[in-house]
């Protein structure tokens, strides 16, 4: 090979090397937002098992019984402040247009009523200190007369858990 061809080959190699290197490198930025809540070790801790509270719960229509099947979930409770009490902050119901279906909310075998004055104990002091897993059931009231009125129903259930002395 003569000097001219060698110089041209070397120059071509130098020119193509950065292009080949850039073609082989790809980048993809990925951002993840992370949140964490660390409660007081001795304070009140309520944790829905499986994080179901953050998701819409679908009350399934049972074609055989012509009723809405209850929602059955679980919640973990712990407190170093004493027994855990619970109540509803508002009436629990589903609504569709002008129709409504009342809901019964039960935690640890206790029906929850509206208001702090109607709070019921869902974990004793001993159970709360050790941590207790409790069943949560949300049940639609039986229909009056001809059955439920046709519709697409929605609603919210607001439960309040308290422990310790106010």
N, C-alpha and C. Protein backbone atom coordinates (compact mmCIF):
# COMPACT_ATOMS: atom_id res chain seq x y z
N UNK A 1 0.84 -1.16 0.00
CA UNK A 1 0.00 0.00 0.00
C UNK A 1 0.90 1.24 0.00
N UNK A 2 0.53 2.24 -0.76
CA UNK A 2 1.35 3.42 -0.80
C UNK A 2 0.98 4.37 0.34
N UNK A 3 1.77 5.38 0.52
CA UNK A 3 1.61 6.32 1.62
C UNK A 3 0.28 7.04 1.54
N UNK A 4 -0.13 7.40 0.34
CA UNK A 4 -1.39 8.13 0.15
C UNK A 4 -2.58 7.28 0.61
N UNK A 5 -2.62 6.02 0.22
CA UNK A 5 -3.72 5.12 0.62
C UNK A 5 -3.70 4.87 2.12
N UNK A 6 -2.53 4.77 2.72
CA UNK A 6 -2.41 4.55 4.16
C UNK A 6 -2.94 5.75 4.93
N UNK A 7 -2.58 6.96 4.50
CA UNK A 7 -3.05 8.18 5.16
C UNK A 7 -4.55 8.29 5.02
N UNK A 8 -5.08 8.02 3.84
CA UNK A 8 -6.54 8.07 3.62
C UNK A 8 -7.27 7.04 4.47
N UNK A 9 -6.74 5.86 4.57
CA UNK A 9 -7.37 4.81 5.39
C UNK A 9 -7.35 5.19 6.86
N UNK A 10 -6.24 5.77 7.32
CA UNK A 10 -6.14 6.20 8.73
C UNK A 10 -7.09 7.34 9.00
N UNK A 11 -7.22 8.29 8.08
CA UNK A 11 -8.13 9.43 8.24
C UNK A 11 -9.58 8.95 8.27
N UNK A 12 -9.92 8.03 7.40
CA UNK A 12 -11.28 7.48 7.37
C UNK A 12 -11.60 6.75 8.67
N UNK A 13 -10.64 6.01 9.19
CA UNK A 13 -10.84 5.30 10.46
C UNK A 13 -11.08 6.28 11.60
N UNK A 14 -10.32 7.38 11.63
CA UNK A 14 -10.50 8.39 12.67
C UNK A 14 -11.85 9.09 12.56
N UNK A 15 -12.32 9.32 11.36
CA UNK A 15 -13.61 9.98 11.15
C UNK A 15 -14.76 9.06 11.54
N UNK A 16 -14.69 7.79 11.20
CA UNK A 16 -15.78 6.84 11.45
C UNK A 16 -15.82 6.32 12.89
N UNK A 17 -14.73 6.38 13.62
CA UNK A 17 -14.69 5.85 14.98
C UNK A 17 -15.69 6.56 15.91
N UNK A 18 -15.76 7.89 15.98
CA UNK A 18 -16.74 8.54 16.85
C UNK A 18 -18.18 8.24 16.43
N UNK A 19 -18.45 8.16 15.14
CA UNK A 19 -19.81 7.87 14.66
C UNK A 19 -20.23 6.47 15.09
N UNK A 20 -19.32 5.52 15.00
CA UNK A 20 -19.63 4.15 15.41
C UNK A 20 -19.85 4.08 16.91
N UNK A 21 -19.05 4.82 17.66
CA UNK A 21 -19.20 4.82 19.12
C UNK A 21 -20.52 5.46 19.51
N UNK A 22 -20.93 6.55 18.86
CA UNK A 22 -22.19 7.22 19.19
C UNK A 22 -23.38 6.35 18.80
N UNK A 23 -23.29 5.61 17.74
CA UNK A 23 -24.39 4.76 17.30
C UNK A 23 -24.62 3.61 18.27
N UNK A 24 -23.59 3.18 18.96
CA UNK A 24 -23.71 2.05 19.87
C UNK A 24 -24.23 2.47 21.24
N UNK A 25 -24.22 3.78 21.56
CA UNK A 25 -24.66 4.25 22.87
C UNK A 25 -26.06 4.83 22.78
N UNK A 26 -26.96 4.31 23.57
CA UNK A 26 -28.31 4.86 23.67
C UNK A 26 -28.57 5.18 25.13
N UNK A 27 -29.36 6.20 25.35
CA UNK A 27 -29.71 6.57 26.71
C UNK A 27 -31.21 6.69 26.84
N UNK A 28 -31.72 6.35 27.99
CA UNK A 28 -33.14 6.49 28.27
C UNK A 28 -33.28 6.94 29.72
N UNK A 29 -33.70 8.17 29.94
CA UNK A 29 -33.85 8.63 31.33
C UNK A 29 -35.10 8.02 31.96
N UNK A 30 -35.02 7.69 33.20
CA UNK A 30 -36.16 7.13 33.94
C UNK A 30 -36.22 7.80 35.30
N UNK A 31 -37.36 8.39 35.59
CA UNK A 31 -37.53 9.05 36.87
C UNK A 31 -38.58 8.30 37.67
N UNK A 32 -38.31 8.01 38.90
CA UNK A 32 -39.23 7.33 39.80
C UNK A 32 -39.46 8.22 41.00
N UNK A 33 -40.73 8.52 41.28
CA UNK A 33 -41.06 9.29 42.47
C UNK A 33 -41.30 8.31 43.61
N UNK A 34 -40.64 8.52 44.71
CA UNK A 34 -40.73 7.60 45.84
C UNK A 34 -41.26 8.37 47.05
N UNK A 35 -42.22 7.78 47.72
CA UNK A 35 -42.75 8.35 48.95
C UNK A 35 -42.74 7.29 50.03
N UNK A 36 -42.59 7.69 51.24
CA UNK A 36 -42.67 6.76 52.36
C UNK A 36 -43.17 7.51 53.59
N UNK A 37 -44.00 6.84 54.33
CA UNK A 37 -44.47 7.38 55.61
C UNK A 37 -44.05 6.38 56.68
N UNK A 38 -43.29 6.84 57.62
CA UNK A 38 -42.88 6.00 58.73
C UNK A 38 -43.59 6.52 59.97
N UNK A 39 -44.59 5.77 60.46
CA UNK A 39 -45.34 6.25 61.61
C UNK A 39 -44.55 6.10 62.90
N UNK A 40 -45.01 6.78 63.91
CA UNK A 40 -44.41 6.67 65.24
C UNK A 40 -44.50 5.22 65.70
N UNK A 41 -43.45 4.72 66.27
CA UNK A 41 -43.43 3.33 66.74
C UNK A 41 -44.45 3.09 67.83
N UNK A 42 -44.79 4.11 68.57
CA UNK A 42 -45.76 3.94 69.65
C UNK A 42 -47.12 4.53 69.31
N UNK A 43 -47.26 5.17 68.14
CA UNK A 43 -48.52 5.80 67.75
C UNK A 43 -49.46 4.82 67.06
N UNK A 44 -50.55 5.35 66.55
CA UNK A 44 -51.57 4.57 65.86
C UNK A 44 -51.11 4.26 64.44
N UNK A 45 -51.22 3.00 64.05
CA UNK A 45 -50.86 2.55 62.71
C UNK A 45 -52.01 1.73 62.15
N UNK A 46 -52.51 2.13 60.99
CA UNK A 46 -53.57 1.40 60.29
C UNK A 46 -53.06 1.12 58.89
N UNK A 47 -53.10 -0.15 58.48
CA UNK A 47 -52.57 -0.52 57.18
C UNK A 47 -53.50 -1.53 56.50
N UNK A 48 -54.18 -1.10 55.42
CA UNK A 48 -55.00 -2.04 54.67
C UNK A 48 -54.13 -3.15 54.08
N UNK A 49 -54.50 -4.40 54.32
CA UNK A 49 -53.73 -5.54 53.81
C UNK A 49 -53.89 -5.58 52.29
N UNK A 50 -52.78 -5.45 51.58
CA UNK A 50 -52.82 -5.45 50.12
C UNK A 50 -53.10 -4.09 49.53
N UNK A 51 -53.08 -3.05 50.35
CA UNK A 51 -53.28 -1.67 49.90
C UNK A 51 -54.60 -1.47 49.15
N UNK A 52 -55.65 -2.18 49.53
CA UNK A 52 -56.93 -2.11 48.85
C UNK A 52 -57.64 -0.77 49.02
N UNK A 53 -57.32 -0.04 50.08
CA UNK A 53 -58.02 1.23 50.34
C UNK A 53 -57.73 2.27 49.27
N UNK A 54 -56.63 2.15 48.58
CA UNK A 54 -56.30 3.10 47.53
C UNK A 54 -56.90 2.75 46.18
N UNK A 55 -57.69 1.70 46.12
CA UNK A 55 -58.25 1.24 44.85
C UNK A 55 -59.78 1.18 44.96
N UNK A 56 -60.46 1.42 43.86
CA UNK A 56 -61.91 1.31 43.83
C UNK A 56 -62.30 -0.14 44.08
N UNK A 57 -63.21 -0.33 45.01
CA UNK A 57 -63.71 -1.67 45.32
C UNK A 57 -65.02 -1.88 44.56
N UNK A 58 -65.10 -2.94 43.80
CA UNK A 58 -66.28 -3.21 42.98
C UNK A 58 -67.20 -4.18 43.71
N UNK A 59 -68.40 -3.73 44.01
CA UNK A 59 -69.39 -4.57 44.64
C UNK A 59 -70.05 -5.38 43.51
N UNK A 60 -69.76 -6.66 43.47
CA UNK A 60 -70.20 -7.52 42.37
C UNK A 60 -71.68 -7.83 42.47
N UNK A 61 -72.37 -7.76 41.34
CA UNK A 61 -73.78 -8.14 41.27
C UNK A 61 -73.87 -9.66 41.20
N UNK A 62 -74.63 -10.25 42.13
CA UNK A 62 -74.80 -11.70 42.16
C UNK A 62 -76.10 -12.04 41.44
N UNK A 63 -75.98 -12.61 40.27
CA UNK A 63 -77.15 -12.88 39.43
C UNK A 63 -78.08 -13.92 40.07
N UNK A 64 -77.52 -14.85 40.84
CA UNK A 64 -78.33 -15.89 41.47
C UNK A 64 -79.21 -15.34 42.59
N UNK A 65 -78.64 -14.44 43.40
CA UNK A 65 -79.40 -13.91 44.54
C UNK A 65 -80.06 -12.57 44.24
N UNK A 66 -79.68 -11.96 43.09
CA UNK A 66 -80.17 -10.63 42.72
C UNK A 66 -79.84 -9.60 43.80
N UNK A 67 -78.64 -9.75 44.33
CA UNK A 67 -78.14 -8.84 45.36
C UNK A 67 -76.69 -8.48 45.05
N UNK A 68 -76.20 -7.46 45.75
CA UNK A 68 -74.79 -7.07 45.65
C UNK A 68 -73.99 -7.86 46.68
N UNK A 69 -72.91 -8.49 46.23
CA UNK A 69 -72.06 -9.23 47.15
C UNK A 69 -71.25 -8.25 48.00
N UNK A 70 -71.05 -8.59 49.28
CA UNK A 70 -70.26 -7.71 50.15
C UNK A 70 -68.80 -7.63 49.72
N UNK A 71 -68.17 -6.55 50.08
CA UNK A 71 -66.73 -6.40 49.90
C UNK A 71 -66.09 -6.94 51.17
N UNK A 72 -65.14 -7.84 51.03
CA UNK A 72 -64.46 -8.46 52.16
C UNK A 72 -62.97 -8.16 52.03
N UNK A 73 -62.43 -7.45 53.01
CA UNK A 73 -61.01 -7.11 53.01
C UNK A 73 -60.46 -7.26 54.43
N UNK A 74 -59.20 -6.87 54.61
CA UNK A 74 -58.57 -6.92 55.93
C UNK A 74 -57.76 -5.66 56.17
N UNK A 75 -57.57 -5.36 57.45
CA UNK A 75 -56.76 -4.22 57.84
C UNK A 75 -55.90 -4.63 59.04
N UNK A 76 -54.64 -4.18 59.04
CA UNK A 76 -53.76 -4.39 60.19
C UNK A 76 -53.80 -3.13 61.05
N UNK A 77 -53.90 -3.33 62.37
CA UNK A 77 -53.99 -2.20 63.30
C UNK A 77 -52.97 -2.40 64.41
N UNK A 78 -52.37 -1.28 64.85
CA UNK A 78 -51.41 -1.34 65.95
C UNK A 78 -51.39 0.02 66.62
N UNK A 79 -51.27 0.00 67.95
CA UNK A 79 -51.15 1.26 68.68
C UNK A 79 -50.53 0.99 70.05
N UNK A 80 -49.61 1.85 70.43
CA UNK A 80 -49.05 1.82 71.76
C UNK A 80 -49.74 2.81 72.68
N UNK A 81 -50.81 3.42 72.18
CA UNK A 81 -51.53 4.45 72.93
C UNK A 81 -52.76 3.92 73.66
N UNK A 82 -53.12 2.66 73.42
CA UNK A 82 -54.31 2.08 74.04
C UNK A 82 -55.19 1.41 73.01
N UNK A 83 -56.43 1.16 73.40
CA UNK A 83 -57.40 0.50 72.52
C UNK A 83 -57.62 1.33 71.26
N UNK A 84 -58.07 0.66 70.21
CA UNK A 84 -58.37 1.34 68.95
C UNK A 84 -59.88 1.34 68.76
N UNK A 85 -60.42 2.53 68.52
CA UNK A 85 -61.84 2.71 68.27
C UNK A 85 -62.03 3.17 66.83
N UNK A 86 -63.21 2.89 66.27
CA UNK A 86 -63.49 3.27 64.89
C UNK A 86 -64.93 3.74 64.76
N UNK A 87 -65.13 4.61 63.77
CA UNK A 87 -66.47 5.09 63.44
C UNK A 87 -66.47 5.61 62.00
N UNK A 88 -67.65 5.87 61.47
CA UNK A 88 -67.79 6.48 60.16
C UNK A 88 -67.88 7.99 60.33
N UNK A 89 -67.28 8.73 59.41
CA UNK A 89 -67.38 10.19 59.49
C UNK A 89 -68.62 10.71 58.76
N UNK A 90 -69.14 9.92 57.82
CA UNK A 90 -70.38 10.26 57.11
C UNK A 90 -71.15 8.97 56.85
N UNK A 91 -72.41 9.12 56.48
CA UNK A 91 -73.21 7.94 56.12
C UNK A 91 -72.55 7.22 54.95
N UNK A 92 -72.53 5.91 55.02
CA UNK A 92 -71.96 5.10 53.94
C UNK A 92 -73.10 4.69 53.02
N UNK A 93 -73.00 5.09 51.75
CA UNK A 93 -74.05 4.76 50.80
C UNK A 93 -73.53 4.82 49.38
N UNK A 94 -74.26 4.15 48.50
CA UNK A 94 -74.03 4.23 47.07
C UNK A 94 -75.19 5.03 46.49
N UNK A 95 -74.91 5.87 45.50
CA UNK A 95 -75.97 6.63 44.86
C UNK A 95 -75.88 6.52 43.35
N UNK A 96 -77.06 6.62 42.73
CA UNK A 96 -77.17 6.64 41.27
C UNK A 96 -78.40 7.48 40.96
N UNK A 97 -78.17 8.64 40.33
CA UNK A 97 -79.25 9.60 40.07
C UNK A 97 -79.94 9.89 41.39
N UNK A 98 -81.23 9.65 41.51
CA UNK A 98 -81.94 9.91 42.75
C UNK A 98 -82.05 8.70 43.65
N UNK A 99 -81.41 7.61 43.30
CA UNK A 99 -81.52 6.37 44.07
C UNK A 99 -80.31 6.20 44.98
N UNK A 100 -80.53 5.50 46.10
CA UNK A 100 -79.41 5.23 47.00
C UNK A 100 -79.53 3.83 47.58
N UNK A 101 -78.37 3.29 47.92
CA UNK A 101 -78.28 2.00 48.61
C UNK A 101 -77.44 2.24 49.84
N UNK A 102 -78.02 2.04 51.01
CA UNK A 102 -77.27 2.19 52.26
C UNK A 102 -76.27 1.05 52.41
N UNK A 103 -75.13 1.36 53.01
CA UNK A 103 -74.08 0.37 53.25
C UNK A 103 -73.86 0.19 54.74
N UNK A 104 -73.59 -1.04 55.13
CA UNK A 104 -73.17 -1.35 56.49
C UNK A 104 -71.68 -1.63 56.45
N UNK A 105 -70.94 -1.00 57.35
CA UNK A 105 -69.50 -1.19 57.42
C UNK A 105 -69.18 -1.86 58.75
N UNK A 106 -68.45 -2.97 58.66
CA UNK A 106 -68.14 -3.76 59.83
C UNK A 106 -66.63 -3.95 59.90
N UNK A 107 -66.03 -3.63 61.04
CA UNK A 107 -64.60 -3.83 61.26
C UNK A 107 -64.44 -4.67 62.52
N UNK A 108 -63.71 -5.76 62.40
CA UNK A 108 -63.44 -6.64 63.54
C UNK A 108 -64.73 -7.08 64.24
N UNK A 109 -65.77 -7.33 63.44
CA UNK A 109 -67.03 -7.82 64.01
C UNK A 109 -67.92 -6.73 64.59
N UNK A 110 -67.52 -5.47 64.44
CA UNK A 110 -68.30 -4.36 65.00
C UNK A 110 -68.83 -3.48 63.86
N UNK A 111 -70.16 -3.25 63.87
CA UNK A 111 -70.74 -2.33 62.90
C UNK A 111 -70.35 -0.91 63.26
N UNK A 112 -69.87 -0.15 62.28
CA UNK A 112 -69.48 1.23 62.52
C UNK A 112 -70.67 2.15 62.28
N UNK A 113 -70.85 3.11 63.17
CA UNK A 113 -71.90 4.11 63.06
C UNK A 113 -71.26 5.47 62.81
N UNK A 114 -72.06 6.45 62.47
CA UNK A 114 -71.55 7.79 62.15
C UNK A 114 -71.28 8.58 63.42
N UNK A 115 -70.10 9.21 63.48
CA UNK A 115 -69.75 10.14 64.54
C UNK A 115 -68.88 9.55 65.63
N UNK A 116 -68.01 10.41 66.17
CA UNK A 116 -67.08 10.00 67.23
C UNK A 116 -67.81 9.53 68.48
N UNK A 117 -68.98 10.10 68.74
CA UNK A 117 -69.75 9.69 69.92
C UNK A 117 -70.23 8.25 69.81
N UNK A 118 -70.28 7.72 68.59
CA UNK A 118 -70.73 6.33 68.35
C UNK A 118 -69.56 5.38 68.07
N UNK A 119 -68.34 5.79 68.38
CA UNK A 119 -67.16 4.95 68.13
C UNK A 119 -67.27 3.63 68.88
N UNK A 120 -66.81 2.56 68.24
CA UNK A 120 -66.79 1.24 68.86
C UNK A 120 -65.36 0.73 68.91
N UNK A 121 -65.07 -0.09 69.89
CA UNK A 121 -63.73 -0.65 70.04
C UNK A 121 -63.53 -1.78 69.04
N UNK A 122 -62.48 -1.66 68.23
CA UNK A 122 -62.17 -2.69 67.24
C UNK A 122 -60.89 -3.44 67.61
N UNK A 123 -60.16 -2.95 68.61
CA UNK A 123 -58.98 -3.65 69.13
C UNK A 123 -58.78 -3.22 70.58
N UNK A 124 -58.63 -4.19 71.46
CA UNK A 124 -58.37 -3.88 72.87
C UNK A 124 -56.96 -3.31 73.01
N UNK A 125 -56.64 -2.81 74.16
CA UNK A 125 -55.30 -2.27 74.42
C UNK A 125 -54.24 -3.34 74.17
N UNK A 126 -54.50 -4.55 74.66
CA UNK A 126 -53.56 -5.66 74.48
C UNK A 126 -53.41 -6.02 73.01
N UNK A 127 -54.52 -6.14 72.29
CA UNK A 127 -54.48 -6.47 70.86
C UNK A 127 -53.77 -5.37 70.07
N UNK A 128 -54.06 -4.12 70.40
CA UNK A 128 -53.47 -2.99 69.68
C UNK A 128 -51.95 -2.95 69.89
N UNK A 129 -51.51 -3.24 71.09
CA UNK A 129 -50.07 -3.22 71.38
C UNK A 129 -49.33 -4.30 70.60
N UNK A 130 -49.96 -5.45 70.43
CA UNK A 130 -49.33 -6.58 69.75
C UNK A 130 -49.51 -6.52 68.23
N UNK A 131 -50.48 -5.78 67.74
CA UNK A 131 -50.90 -5.69 66.34
C UNK A 131 -52.02 -6.69 66.10
N UNK A 132 -53.03 -6.22 65.44
CA UNK A 132 -54.20 -7.06 65.17
C UNK A 132 -54.58 -6.93 63.70
N UNK A 133 -54.85 -8.07 63.07
CA UNK A 133 -55.41 -8.10 61.72
C UNK A 133 -56.91 -8.32 61.87
N UNK A 134 -57.69 -7.44 61.25
CA UNK A 134 -59.15 -7.50 61.40
C UNK A 134 -59.83 -7.53 60.05
N UNK A 135 -60.97 -8.21 60.00
CA UNK A 135 -61.79 -8.25 58.79
C UNK A 135 -62.54 -6.93 58.64
N UNK A 136 -62.67 -6.50 57.40
CA UNK A 136 -63.49 -5.34 57.06
C UNK A 136 -64.52 -5.82 56.04
N UNK A 137 -65.79 -5.59 56.34
CA UNK A 137 -66.87 -5.99 55.42
C UNK A 137 -67.74 -4.77 55.14
N UNK A 138 -68.00 -4.55 53.87
CA UNK A 138 -68.90 -3.48 53.45
C UNK A 138 -70.04 -4.17 52.72
N UNK A 139 -71.25 -4.04 53.28
CA UNK A 139 -72.41 -4.78 52.79
C UNK A 139 -73.51 -3.82 52.38
N UNK A 140 -74.13 -4.10 51.25
CA UNK A 140 -75.26 -3.30 50.77
C UNK A 140 -76.52 -3.72 51.52
N UNK A 141 -77.33 -2.74 51.91
CA UNK A 141 -78.60 -3.03 52.57
C UNK A 141 -79.49 -3.79 51.60
N UNK A 142 -80.33 -4.67 52.15
CA UNK A 142 -81.27 -5.42 51.33
C UNK A 142 -82.25 -4.45 50.68
N UNK A 143 -82.61 -4.72 49.44
CA UNK A 143 -83.53 -3.81 48.76
C UNK A 143 -84.94 -3.92 49.33
N UNK A 144 -85.66 -2.81 49.27
CA UNK A 144 -87.05 -2.81 49.72
C UNK A 144 -87.96 -3.11 48.53
N UNK A 145 -88.98 -3.88 48.77
CA UNK A 145 -89.99 -4.14 47.73
C UNK A 145 -89.47 -4.90 46.54
N UNK A 146 -89.48 -4.26 45.39
CA UNK A 146 -89.17 -4.90 44.11
C UNK A 146 -87.69 -5.15 43.87
N UNK A 147 -86.83 -4.70 44.73
CA UNK A 147 -85.40 -4.90 44.53
C UNK A 147 -84.69 -3.58 44.30
N UNK A 148 -83.42 -3.67 43.99
CA UNK A 148 -82.63 -2.47 43.75
C UNK A 148 -83.10 -1.76 42.48
N UNK A 149 -83.05 -0.44 42.49
CA UNK A 149 -83.35 0.33 41.28
C UNK A 149 -82.15 0.24 40.35
N UNK A 150 -82.43 0.09 39.07
CA UNK A 150 -81.39 0.00 38.04
C UNK A 150 -80.52 1.26 38.07
N UNK A 151 -79.20 1.12 37.89
CA UNK A 151 -78.32 2.28 37.83
C UNK A 151 -76.87 1.91 37.99
N UNK A 152 -76.01 2.89 37.78
CA UNK A 152 -74.58 2.77 38.01
C UNK A 152 -74.29 3.53 39.30
N UNK A 153 -74.04 2.81 40.35
CA UNK A 153 -73.91 3.38 41.69
C UNK A 153 -72.45 3.65 42.04
N UNK A 154 -72.25 4.72 42.79
CA UNK A 154 -70.92 5.05 43.31
C UNK A 154 -71.06 5.63 44.70
N UNK A 155 -70.00 5.53 45.47
CA UNK A 155 -70.01 6.13 46.80
C UNK A 155 -68.65 6.01 47.45
N UNK A 156 -68.55 6.62 48.61
CA UNK A 156 -67.31 6.57 49.39
C UNK A 156 -67.64 6.13 50.81
N UNK A 157 -66.71 5.43 51.40
CA UNK A 157 -66.83 5.04 52.81
C UNK A 157 -65.66 5.69 53.54
N UNK A 158 -66.00 6.54 54.52
CA UNK A 158 -64.98 7.23 55.30
C UNK A 158 -64.97 6.68 56.71
N UNK A 159 -63.91 5.92 57.03
CA UNK A 159 -63.74 5.36 58.37
C UNK A 159 -62.68 6.16 59.12
N UNK A 160 -62.90 6.34 60.41
CA UNK A 160 -61.92 7.02 61.25
C UNK A 160 -61.51 6.05 62.35
N UNK A 161 -60.20 5.92 62.55
CA UNK A 161 -59.65 5.09 63.62
C UNK A 161 -58.96 6.03 64.61
N UNK A 162 -59.18 5.78 65.90
CA UNK A 162 -58.58 6.60 66.95
C UNK A 162 -58.02 5.72 68.05
N UNK A 163 -56.98 6.22 68.68
CA UNK A 163 -56.38 5.52 69.81
C UNK A 163 -55.77 6.54 70.74
N UNK A 164 -55.83 6.30 72.01
CA UNK A 164 -55.25 7.21 72.98
C UNK A 164 -56.27 8.19 73.52
N UNK A 165 -55.82 9.04 74.39
CA UNK A 165 -56.69 10.05 75.00
C UNK A 165 -56.63 11.34 74.19
N UNK A 166 -57.81 11.90 73.87
CA UNK A 166 -57.79 13.14 73.09
C UNK A 166 -57.16 14.30 73.84
